[in-house]
Amino acid sequence: MTPVRIDIVPVGRIAAAVVEYLQLVLPETLNLPCRLRHATIDIRRAYDDRRRQYRSREILTQLADLDEADEVKILGVTDVDLFIPVLTFVFGEAQLGGRAAVVSVHRLRQEFYGLPPDEKLFLERCEKEALHELGHTFGLVHCRRLGCVMHFSNSIAEVDLKSSTFCPSCARRLP
């Protein structure tokens, strides 16, 4: 089923500038309209006291359970620190070939690493990670090409190395 749009869902507190930026740039790359959608996602259910982080899978499940047509992709955007049990943290998670994805901006800010703020770099990182997770919802897996937005990023340096575009091979597999 061909997607008709992307709904961006703020999860917890998230700066309006991030959501507004994603609403502008995602349609340019994915050729789909984006709209802001307000929905109740209970991030408290995802909190892990021991790790002091949030389980991305729990947030992802809540996003996927939002009643909407299958042809709508849902991107949750949050400022909380996400993890999956086998990794220290994740920048995001998505349902491979599904309808929902979540991205965290928590570790995308320069300030997280003790560096001065850089709003332009921060928004570029948000764009890359949003495109990456949405790429998974379209069935794309991690790409071996270093510059492709679908390249796996295990650190902020790896996020910075990749571009905000899909390589020709990944782009051909987008709807």
N, C-alpha and C. Protein backbone atom coordinates (compact mmCIF):
# COMPACT_ATOMS: atom_id res chain seq x y z
N MET A 1 0.84 -1.18 0.00
CA MET A 1 0.00 0.00 0.00
C MET A 1 0.89 1.25 0.00
N THR A 2 0.65 2.14 -0.91
CA THR A 2 1.46 3.34 -1.04
C THR A 2 1.07 4.36 0.04
N PRO A 3 2.06 4.86 0.78
CA PRO A 3 1.77 5.85 1.82
C PRO A 3 1.20 7.14 1.22
N VAL A 4 0.32 7.77 1.99
CA VAL A 4 -0.27 9.02 1.53
C VAL A 4 0.30 10.23 2.26
N ARG A 5 0.84 10.00 3.47
CA ARG A 5 1.42 11.12 4.22
C ARG A 5 2.21 10.58 5.41
N ILE A 6 2.91 11.52 6.05
CA ILE A 6 3.63 11.24 7.29
C ILE A 6 3.04 12.11 8.37
N ASP A 7 2.65 11.50 9.47
CA ASP A 7 2.19 12.23 10.64
C ASP A 7 3.34 12.32 11.64
N ILE A 8 3.68 13.54 12.04
CA ILE A 8 4.71 13.74 13.05
C ILE A 8 4.01 13.93 14.40
N VAL A 9 4.35 13.07 15.34
CA VAL A 9 3.71 13.08 16.65
C VAL A 9 4.73 13.47 17.72
N PRO A 10 4.58 14.63 18.35
CA PRO A 10 5.46 14.98 19.47
C PRO A 10 5.22 14.00 20.63
N VAL A 11 6.30 13.48 21.18
CA VAL A 11 6.22 12.54 22.28
C VAL A 11 6.91 13.18 23.48
N GLY A 12 6.13 13.55 24.49
CA GLY A 12 6.68 14.30 25.61
C GLY A 12 6.98 15.72 25.16
N ARG A 13 7.90 16.36 25.86
CA ARG A 13 8.27 17.73 25.49
C ARG A 13 9.28 17.71 24.36
N ILE A 14 8.95 18.43 23.32
CA ILE A 14 9.87 18.54 22.18
C ILE A 14 9.75 19.96 21.64
N ALA A 15 10.87 20.55 21.32
CA ALA A 15 10.87 21.92 20.82
C ALA A 15 10.09 22.02 19.51
N ALA A 16 9.23 23.02 19.43
CA ALA A 16 8.42 23.23 18.23
C ALA A 16 9.31 23.42 17.00
N ALA A 17 10.47 24.02 17.17
CA ALA A 17 11.38 24.26 16.04
C ALA A 17 11.80 22.95 15.37
N VAL A 18 11.98 21.90 16.15
CA VAL A 18 12.38 20.60 15.60
C VAL A 18 11.25 20.04 14.73
N VAL A 19 10.05 20.04 15.26
CA VAL A 19 8.90 19.52 14.53
C VAL A 19 8.64 20.34 13.26
N GLU A 20 8.71 21.65 13.39
CA GLU A 20 8.50 22.52 12.23
C GLU A 20 9.55 22.28 11.15
N TYR A 21 10.80 22.10 11.56
CA TYR A 21 11.87 21.83 10.60
C TYR A 21 11.62 20.51 9.87
N LEU A 22 11.26 19.47 10.62
CA LEU A 22 11.00 18.18 10.00
C LEU A 22 9.81 18.24 9.05
N GLN A 23 8.80 19.02 9.40
CA GLN A 23 7.64 19.19 8.52
C GLN A 23 8.04 19.83 7.19
N LEU A 24 9.08 20.64 7.21
CA LEU A 24 9.55 21.31 5.99
C LEU A 24 10.45 20.41 5.14
N VAL A 25 11.38 19.70 5.79
CA VAL A 25 12.39 18.98 5.02
C VAL A 25 12.00 17.56 4.61
N LEU A 26 11.20 16.87 5.40
CA LEU A 26 10.86 15.49 5.07
C LEU A 26 10.10 15.36 3.75
N PRO A 27 9.12 16.24 3.47
CA PRO A 27 8.42 16.13 2.19
C PRO A 27 9.33 16.29 0.97
N GLU A 28 10.38 17.10 1.11
CA GLU A 28 11.31 17.31 0.00
C GLU A 28 12.01 16.02 -0.40
N THR A 29 12.37 15.21 0.57
CA THR A 29 13.10 13.99 0.30
C THR A 29 12.17 12.82 0.01
N LEU A 30 11.09 12.72 0.76
CA LEU A 30 10.21 11.55 0.65
C LEU A 30 9.02 11.75 -0.29
N ASN A 31 8.84 12.96 -0.80
CA ASN A 31 7.73 13.26 -1.70
C ASN A 31 6.38 12.89 -1.11
N LEU A 32 6.25 13.11 0.18
CA LEU A 32 4.98 12.88 0.88
C LEU A 32 4.70 14.08 1.77
N PRO A 33 3.45 14.49 1.88
CA PRO A 33 3.14 15.58 2.80
C PRO A 33 3.32 15.14 4.25
N CYS A 34 3.68 16.09 5.10
CA CYS A 34 3.81 15.84 6.53
C CYS A 34 2.84 16.73 7.27
N ARG A 35 2.23 16.18 8.29
CA ARG A 35 1.37 17.02 9.13
C ARG A 35 1.70 16.74 10.59
N LEU A 36 1.47 17.73 11.40
CA LEU A 36 1.63 17.60 12.84
C LEU A 36 0.38 16.93 13.38
N ARG A 37 0.58 15.95 14.21
CA ARG A 37 -0.55 15.24 14.81
C ARG A 37 -0.32 15.16 16.31
N HIS A 38 -1.31 15.58 17.07
CA HIS A 38 -1.22 15.47 18.52
C HIS A 38 -1.93 14.20 18.95
N ALA A 39 -1.22 13.40 19.72
CA ALA A 39 -1.78 12.16 20.24
C ALA A 39 -1.20 11.94 21.64
N THR A 40 -1.90 11.18 22.44
CA THR A 40 -1.43 10.92 23.79
C THR A 40 -0.55 9.69 23.79
N ILE A 41 0.74 9.91 24.03
CA ILE A 41 1.70 8.82 24.17
C ILE A 41 2.22 8.91 25.60
N ASP A 42 2.00 7.85 26.38
CA ASP A 42 2.38 7.85 27.79
C ASP A 42 3.84 7.40 27.93
N ILE A 43 4.75 8.36 27.94
CA ILE A 43 6.17 7.99 28.01
C ILE A 43 6.54 7.42 29.38
N ARG A 44 5.73 7.70 30.39
CA ARG A 44 6.02 7.14 31.73
C ARG A 44 6.04 5.61 31.69
N ARG A 45 5.20 5.03 30.85
CA ARG A 45 5.16 3.56 30.71
C ARG A 45 6.47 3.02 30.15
N ALA A 46 7.21 3.85 29.45
CA ALA A 46 8.44 3.42 28.81
C ALA A 46 9.67 3.63 29.69
N TYR A 47 9.52 4.32 30.81
CA TYR A 47 10.68 4.68 31.63
C TYR A 47 11.21 3.46 32.39
N ASP A 48 12.52 3.31 32.36
CA ASP A 48 13.21 2.24 33.09
C ASP A 48 14.01 2.89 34.22
N ASP A 49 13.58 2.67 35.46
CA ASP A 49 14.24 3.28 36.62
C ASP A 49 15.71 2.90 36.72
N ARG A 50 16.01 1.65 36.44
CA ARG A 50 17.38 1.17 36.59
C ARG A 50 18.33 1.87 35.60
N ARG A 51 17.90 2.02 34.36
CA ARG A 51 18.75 2.63 33.33
C ARG A 51 18.58 4.14 33.24
N ARG A 52 17.50 4.66 33.81
CA ARG A 52 17.18 6.08 33.70
C ARG A 52 17.05 6.52 32.25
N GLN A 53 16.47 5.64 31.47
CA GLN A 53 16.22 5.88 30.05
C GLN A 53 14.83 5.34 29.72
N TYR A 54 14.44 5.53 28.47
CA TYR A 54 13.12 5.11 28.02
C TYR A 54 13.22 4.00 26.99
N ARG A 55 12.39 2.98 27.14
CA ARG A 55 12.36 1.86 26.20
C ARG A 55 11.72 2.33 24.89
N SER A 56 12.50 2.36 23.85
CA SER A 56 11.98 2.83 22.56
C SER A 56 10.86 1.93 22.05
N ARG A 57 10.95 0.64 22.31
CA ARG A 57 9.93 -0.30 21.82
C ARG A 57 8.56 0.02 22.39
N GLU A 58 8.49 0.43 23.64
CA GLU A 58 7.20 0.77 24.26
C GLU A 58 6.58 1.99 23.59
N ILE A 59 7.40 3.00 23.32
CA ILE A 59 6.90 4.20 22.64
C ILE A 59 6.48 3.84 21.21
N LEU A 60 7.28 3.03 20.55
CA LEU A 60 6.98 2.60 19.19
C LEU A 60 5.65 1.85 19.13
N THR A 61 5.41 1.00 20.10
CA THR A 61 4.15 0.25 20.16
C THR A 61 2.96 1.19 20.31
N GLN A 62 3.09 2.18 21.17
CA GLN A 62 2.00 3.14 21.35
C GLN A 62 1.74 3.94 20.07
N LEU A 63 2.79 4.30 19.37
CA LEU A 63 2.62 5.03 18.11
C LEU A 63 1.92 4.15 17.07
N ALA A 64 2.34 2.90 16.99
CA ALA A 64 1.75 1.98 16.02
C ALA A 64 0.29 1.69 16.31
N ASP A 65 -0.09 1.79 17.59
CA ASP A 65 -1.47 1.52 17.98
C ASP A 65 -2.42 2.69 17.75
N LEU A 66 -1.88 3.83 17.34
CA LEU A 66 -2.77 4.96 17.04
C LEU A 66 -3.68 4.55 15.89
N ASP A 67 -4.96 4.79 16.04
CA ASP A 67 -5.89 4.37 14.99
C ASP A 67 -5.76 5.27 13.77
N GLU A 68 -5.24 4.71 12.74
CA GLU A 68 -5.03 5.44 11.50
C GLU A 68 -4.90 4.41 10.39
N ALA A 69 -5.12 4.84 9.19
CA ALA A 69 -5.00 3.96 8.04
C ALA A 69 -3.56 3.48 7.88
N ASP A 70 -3.40 2.27 7.35
CA ASP A 70 -2.08 1.70 7.16
C ASP A 70 -1.19 2.52 6.24
N GLU A 71 -1.78 3.31 5.37
CA GLU A 71 -0.97 4.05 4.41
C GLU A 71 -0.38 5.34 5.00
N VAL A 72 -0.61 5.59 6.28
CA VAL A 72 -0.03 6.75 6.94
C VAL A 72 1.16 6.29 7.77
N LYS A 73 2.32 6.92 7.56
CA LYS A 73 3.50 6.64 8.37
C LYS A 73 3.46 7.59 9.56
N ILE A 74 3.81 7.08 10.73
CA ILE A 74 3.78 7.87 11.96
C ILE A 74 5.21 7.98 12.49
N LEU A 75 5.67 9.20 12.65
CA LEU A 75 7.00 9.47 13.20
C LEU A 75 6.85 10.16 14.54
N GLY A 76 7.20 9.46 15.60
CA GLY A 76 7.23 10.07 16.92
C GLY A 76 8.56 10.77 17.11
N VAL A 77 8.54 11.96 17.66
CA VAL A 77 9.77 12.73 17.91
C VAL A 77 9.79 13.09 19.39
N THR A 78 10.88 12.72 20.04
CA THR A 78 10.97 12.92 21.49
C THR A 78 12.33 13.48 21.87
N ASP A 79 12.40 14.00 23.08
CA ASP A 79 13.66 14.52 23.61
C ASP A 79 14.16 13.68 24.78
N VAL A 80 13.57 12.49 24.97
CA VAL A 80 14.04 11.61 26.05
C VAL A 80 15.08 10.65 25.49
N ASP A 81 15.92 10.14 26.37
CA ASP A 81 16.99 9.23 25.99
C ASP A 81 16.42 7.82 25.81
N LEU A 82 16.54 7.27 24.61
CA LEU A 82 15.96 5.97 24.28
C LEU A 82 17.00 4.85 24.35
N PHE A 83 16.51 3.63 24.60
CA PHE A 83 17.38 2.46 24.56
C PHE A 83 16.59 1.24 24.13
N ILE A 84 17.34 0.23 23.70
CA ILE A 84 16.81 -1.13 23.57
C ILE A 84 17.73 -1.97 24.44
N PRO A 85 17.25 -3.10 24.95
CA PRO A 85 18.03 -3.85 25.94
C PRO A 85 19.45 -4.21 25.52
N VAL A 86 19.71 -4.45 24.25
CA VAL A 86 21.05 -4.89 23.84
C VAL A 86 22.01 -3.74 23.53
N LEU A 87 21.52 -2.50 23.57
CA LEU A 87 22.38 -1.35 23.28
C LEU A 87 22.31 -0.33 24.41
N THR A 88 23.36 0.44 24.56
CA THR A 88 23.43 1.49 25.57
C THR A 88 22.39 2.56 25.31
N PHE A 89 22.18 2.90 24.04
CA PHE A 89 21.20 3.90 23.64
C PHE A 89 20.87 3.68 22.18
N VAL A 90 19.79 4.30 21.72
CA VAL A 90 19.48 4.34 20.29
C VAL A 90 19.04 5.76 19.94
N PHE A 91 19.36 6.17 18.72
CA PHE A 91 18.87 7.45 18.23
C PHE A 91 17.41 7.32 17.82
N GLY A 92 16.97 6.11 17.55
CA GLY A 92 15.59 5.88 17.16
C GLY A 92 15.36 4.41 16.90
N GLU A 93 14.10 4.10 16.57
CA GLU A 93 13.72 2.73 16.25
C GLU A 93 12.50 2.80 15.34
N ALA A 94 12.34 1.79 14.51
CA ALA A 94 11.21 1.76 13.60
C ALA A 94 10.75 0.33 13.37
N GLN A 95 9.53 0.21 12.90
CA GLN A 95 9.00 -1.07 12.48
C GLN A 95 9.44 -1.28 11.03
N LEU A 96 10.23 -2.29 10.79
CA LEU A 96 10.71 -2.56 9.44
C LEU A 96 9.52 -2.92 8.56
N GLY A 97 9.27 -2.09 7.57
CA GLY A 97 8.15 -2.30 6.67
C GLY A 97 6.81 -2.00 7.32
N GLY A 98 6.82 -1.37 8.48
CA GLY A 98 5.59 -1.06 9.21
C GLY A 98 5.18 0.38 9.05
N ARG A 99 4.43 0.86 10.02
CA ARG A 99 3.90 2.22 9.88
C ARG A 99 4.47 3.20 10.89
N ALA A 100 5.19 2.75 11.90
CA ALA A 100 5.61 3.65 12.97
C ALA A 100 7.12 3.67 13.17
N ALA A 101 7.59 4.85 13.56
CA ALA A 101 9.00 5.06 13.88
C ALA A 101 9.06 6.10 15.00
N VAL A 102 10.14 6.04 15.77
CA VAL A 102 10.38 7.05 16.79
C VAL A 102 11.84 7.47 16.71
N VAL A 103 12.07 8.75 16.89
CA VAL A 103 13.44 9.28 16.90
C VAL A 103 13.60 10.16 18.13
N SER A 104 14.78 10.05 18.74
CA SER A 104 15.10 10.87 19.90
C SER A 104 16.14 11.92 19.52
N VAL A 105 15.90 13.15 19.92
CA VAL A 105 16.87 14.22 19.66
C VAL A 105 17.81 14.41 20.84
N HIS A 106 17.62 13.63 21.88
CA HIS A 106 18.35 13.79 23.14
C HIS A 106 19.87 13.83 22.95
N ARG A 107 20.41 12.91 22.16
CA ARG A 107 21.86 12.82 21.97
C ARG A 107 22.33 13.49 20.68
N LEU A 108 21.45 14.25 20.04
CA LEU A 108 21.81 14.91 18.79
C LEU A 108 22.33 16.33 18.99
N ARG A 109 22.18 16.86 20.18
CA ARG A 109 22.66 18.21 20.48
C ARG A 109 24.14 18.19 20.84
N GLN A 110 24.86 19.20 20.41
CA GLN A 110 26.27 19.34 20.77
C GLN A 110 26.45 19.41 22.29
N GLU A 111 25.51 20.03 22.97
CA GLU A 111 25.60 20.22 24.41
C GLU A 111 25.68 18.89 25.16
N PHE A 112 25.07 17.84 24.60
CA PHE A 112 25.11 16.53 25.24
C PHE A 112 26.56 16.06 25.38
N TYR A 113 27.41 16.48 24.47
CA TYR A 113 28.82 16.06 24.45
C TYR A 113 29.74 17.13 25.04
N GLY A 114 29.15 18.11 25.74
CA GLY A 114 29.93 19.15 26.39
C GLY A 114 30.45 20.22 25.45
N LEU A 115 29.83 20.34 24.28
CA LEU A 115 30.26 21.31 23.27
C LEU A 115 29.26 22.46 23.18
N PRO A 116 29.67 23.59 22.61
CA PRO A 116 28.75 24.72 22.45
C PRO A 116 27.60 24.35 21.50
N PRO A 117 26.44 24.96 21.70
CA PRO A 117 25.30 24.67 20.83
C PRO A 117 25.59 25.01 19.37
N ASP A 118 25.00 24.22 18.48
CA ASP A 118 25.09 24.46 17.04
C ASP A 118 23.74 24.05 16.46
N GLU A 119 22.82 25.01 16.36
CA GLU A 119 21.44 24.72 15.96
C GLU A 119 21.36 24.12 14.56
N LYS A 120 22.18 24.62 13.64
CA LYS A 120 22.16 24.10 12.27
C LYS A 120 22.56 22.62 12.25
N LEU A 121 23.64 22.29 12.92
CA LEU A 121 24.10 20.91 12.99
C LEU A 121 23.06 20.02 13.68
N PHE A 122 22.48 20.53 14.75
CA PHE A 122 21.45 19.79 15.49
C PHE A 122 20.27 19.44 14.58
N LEU A 123 19.77 20.42 13.83
CA LEU A 123 18.63 20.17 12.94
C LEU A 123 18.99 19.22 11.80
N GLU A 124 20.21 19.33 11.29
CA GLU A 124 20.67 18.38 10.26
C GLU A 124 20.67 16.96 10.80
N ARG A 125 21.12 16.79 12.03
CA ARG A 125 21.12 15.47 12.66
C ARG A 125 19.69 14.95 12.85
N CYS A 126 18.79 15.84 13.24
CA CYS A 126 17.38 15.45 13.40
C CYS A 126 16.82 14.95 12.07
N GLU A 127 17.12 15.68 11.01
CA GLU A 127 16.66 15.29 9.67
C GLU A 127 17.19 13.91 9.29
N LYS A 128 18.49 13.70 9.47
CA LYS A 128 19.10 12.42 9.11
C LYS A 128 18.46 11.26 9.87
N GLU A 129 18.29 11.43 11.16
CA GLU A 129 17.75 10.33 11.95
C GLU A 129 16.27 10.09 11.65
N ALA A 130 15.51 11.14 11.38
CA ALA A 130 14.11 10.98 11.00
C ALA A 130 14.01 10.24 9.67
N LEU A 131 14.82 10.64 8.69
CA LEU A 131 14.81 9.96 7.40
C LEU A 131 15.24 8.51 7.54
N HIS A 132 16.25 8.27 8.36
CA HIS A 132 16.73 6.91 8.58
C HIS A 132 15.62 6.01 9.12
N GLU A 133 14.96 6.47 10.18
CA GLU A 133 13.90 5.64 10.79
C GLU A 133 12.71 5.49 9.86
N LEU A 134 12.33 6.55 9.16
CA LEU A 134 11.24 6.42 8.19
C LEU A 134 11.63 5.48 7.06
N GLY A 135 12.91 5.50 6.67
CA GLY A 135 13.39 4.55 5.65
C GLY A 135 13.10 3.12 6.07
N HIS A 136 13.30 2.81 7.34
CA HIS A 136 12.99 1.46 7.83
C HIS A 136 11.50 1.14 7.65
N THR A 137 10.62 2.12 7.89
CA THR A 137 9.18 1.85 7.73
C THR A 137 8.85 1.54 6.27
N PHE A 138 9.67 2.00 5.35
CA PHE A 138 9.48 1.70 3.93
C PHE A 138 10.17 0.38 3.54
N GLY A 139 10.71 -0.32 4.53
CA GLY A 139 11.32 -1.62 4.27
C GLY A 139 12.81 -1.58 4.02
N LEU A 140 13.43 -0.42 4.13
CA LEU A 140 14.88 -0.33 3.90
C LEU A 140 15.64 -0.82 5.13
N VAL A 141 16.70 -1.58 4.88
CA VAL A 141 17.57 -2.05 5.95
C VAL A 141 18.82 -1.17 5.95
N HIS A 142 19.73 -1.44 6.88
CA HIS A 142 20.96 -0.64 6.94
C HIS A 142 21.78 -0.84 5.67
N CYS A 143 22.32 0.28 5.19
CA CYS A 143 23.07 0.31 3.95
C CYS A 143 24.57 0.31 4.25
N ARG A 144 25.33 -0.34 3.41
CA ARG A 144 26.79 -0.38 3.58
C ARG A 144 27.49 0.90 3.13
N ARG A 145 26.81 1.70 2.32
CA ARG A 145 27.42 2.93 1.81
C ARG A 145 27.48 3.97 2.92
N LEU A 146 28.67 4.40 3.24
CA LEU A 146 28.92 5.31 4.36
C LEU A 146 28.11 6.60 4.28
N GLY A 147 27.93 7.15 3.10
CA GLY A 147 27.23 8.42 2.95
C GLY A 147 25.72 8.31 2.94
N CYS A 148 25.19 7.12 2.77
CA CYS A 148 23.74 6.95 2.69
C CYS A 148 23.09 7.18 4.05
N VAL A 149 21.94 7.83 4.05
CA VAL A 149 21.23 8.11 5.29
C VAL A 149 20.81 6.81 5.99
N MET A 150 20.77 5.69 5.26
CA MET A 150 20.40 4.41 5.85
C MET A 150 21.59 3.67 6.47
N HIS A 151 22.77 4.28 6.42
CA HIS A 151 23.94 3.67 7.07
C HIS A 151 23.71 3.67 8.58
N PHE A 152 24.05 2.57 9.24
CA PHE A 152 23.87 2.45 10.69
C PHE A 152 24.78 3.43 11.42
N SER A 153 24.23 4.11 12.41
CA SER A 153 25.01 5.05 13.22
C SER A 153 24.97 4.62 14.67
N ASN A 154 26.14 4.28 15.17
CA ASN A 154 26.27 3.86 16.57
C ASN A 154 26.86 4.97 17.43
N SER A 155 27.18 6.10 16.80
CA SER A 155 27.75 7.25 17.52
C SER A 155 27.37 8.52 16.79
N ILE A 156 27.51 9.64 17.46
CA ILE A 156 27.19 10.92 16.83
C ILE A 156 28.15 11.21 15.68
N ALA A 157 29.38 10.75 15.79
CA ALA A 157 30.35 10.93 14.69
C ALA A 157 29.86 10.23 13.43
N GLU A 158 29.26 9.06 13.59
CA GLU A 158 28.75 8.32 12.43
C GLU A 158 27.51 9.01 11.84
N VAL A 159 26.71 9.65 12.69
CA VAL A 159 25.58 10.43 12.19
C VAL A 159 26.11 11.57 11.32
N ASP A 160 27.15 12.23 11.80
CA ASP A 160 27.71 13.37 11.07
C ASP A 160 28.37 12.96 9.76
N LEU A 161 28.89 11.74 9.67
CA LEU A 161 29.55 11.28 8.45
C LEU A 161 28.58 11.02 7.31
N LYS A 162 27.37 10.60 7.63
CA LYS A 162 26.44 10.27 6.54
C LYS A 162 25.71 11.53 6.07
N SER A 163 25.13 11.43 4.89
CA SER A 163 24.40 12.56 4.33
C SER A 163 22.92 12.45 4.72
N SER A 164 22.15 13.40 4.29
CA SER A 164 20.71 13.37 4.55
C SER A 164 19.96 12.89 3.30
N THR A 165 20.65 12.11 2.47
CA THR A 165 20.02 11.57 1.26
C THR A 165 20.19 10.06 1.22
N PHE A 166 19.32 9.44 0.45
CA PHE A 166 19.40 8.00 0.23
C PHE A 166 20.33 7.75 -0.96
N CYS A 167 21.16 6.73 -0.87
CA CYS A 167 22.00 6.36 -2.01
C CYS A 167 21.08 5.91 -3.15
N PRO A 168 21.57 5.84 -4.38
CA PRO A 168 20.70 5.45 -5.50
C PRO A 168 20.00 4.10 -5.29
N SER A 169 20.70 3.16 -4.71
CA SER A 169 20.10 1.83 -4.49
C SER A 169 18.93 1.90 -3.49
N CYS A 170 19.13 2.60 -2.39
CA CYS A 170 18.04 2.75 -1.38
C CYS A 170 16.91 3.61 -1.94
N ALA A 171 17.25 4.67 -2.66
CA ALA A 171 16.24 5.57 -3.21
C ALA A 171 15.31 4.83 -4.18
N ARG A 172 15.85 3.89 -4.95
CA ARG A 172 15.03 3.12 -5.89
C ARG A 172 13.98 2.28 -5.18
N ARG A 173 14.23 1.93 -3.94
CA ARG A 173 13.31 1.06 -3.21
C ARG A 173 12.26 1.85 -2.43
N LEU A 174 12.33 3.16 -2.47
CA LEU A 174 11.31 4.00 -1.84
C LEU A 174 10.09 4.06 -2.75
N PRO A 175 8.90 4.23 -2.18
CA PRO A 175 7.70 4.31 -3.03
C PRO A 175 7.70 5.57 -3.91
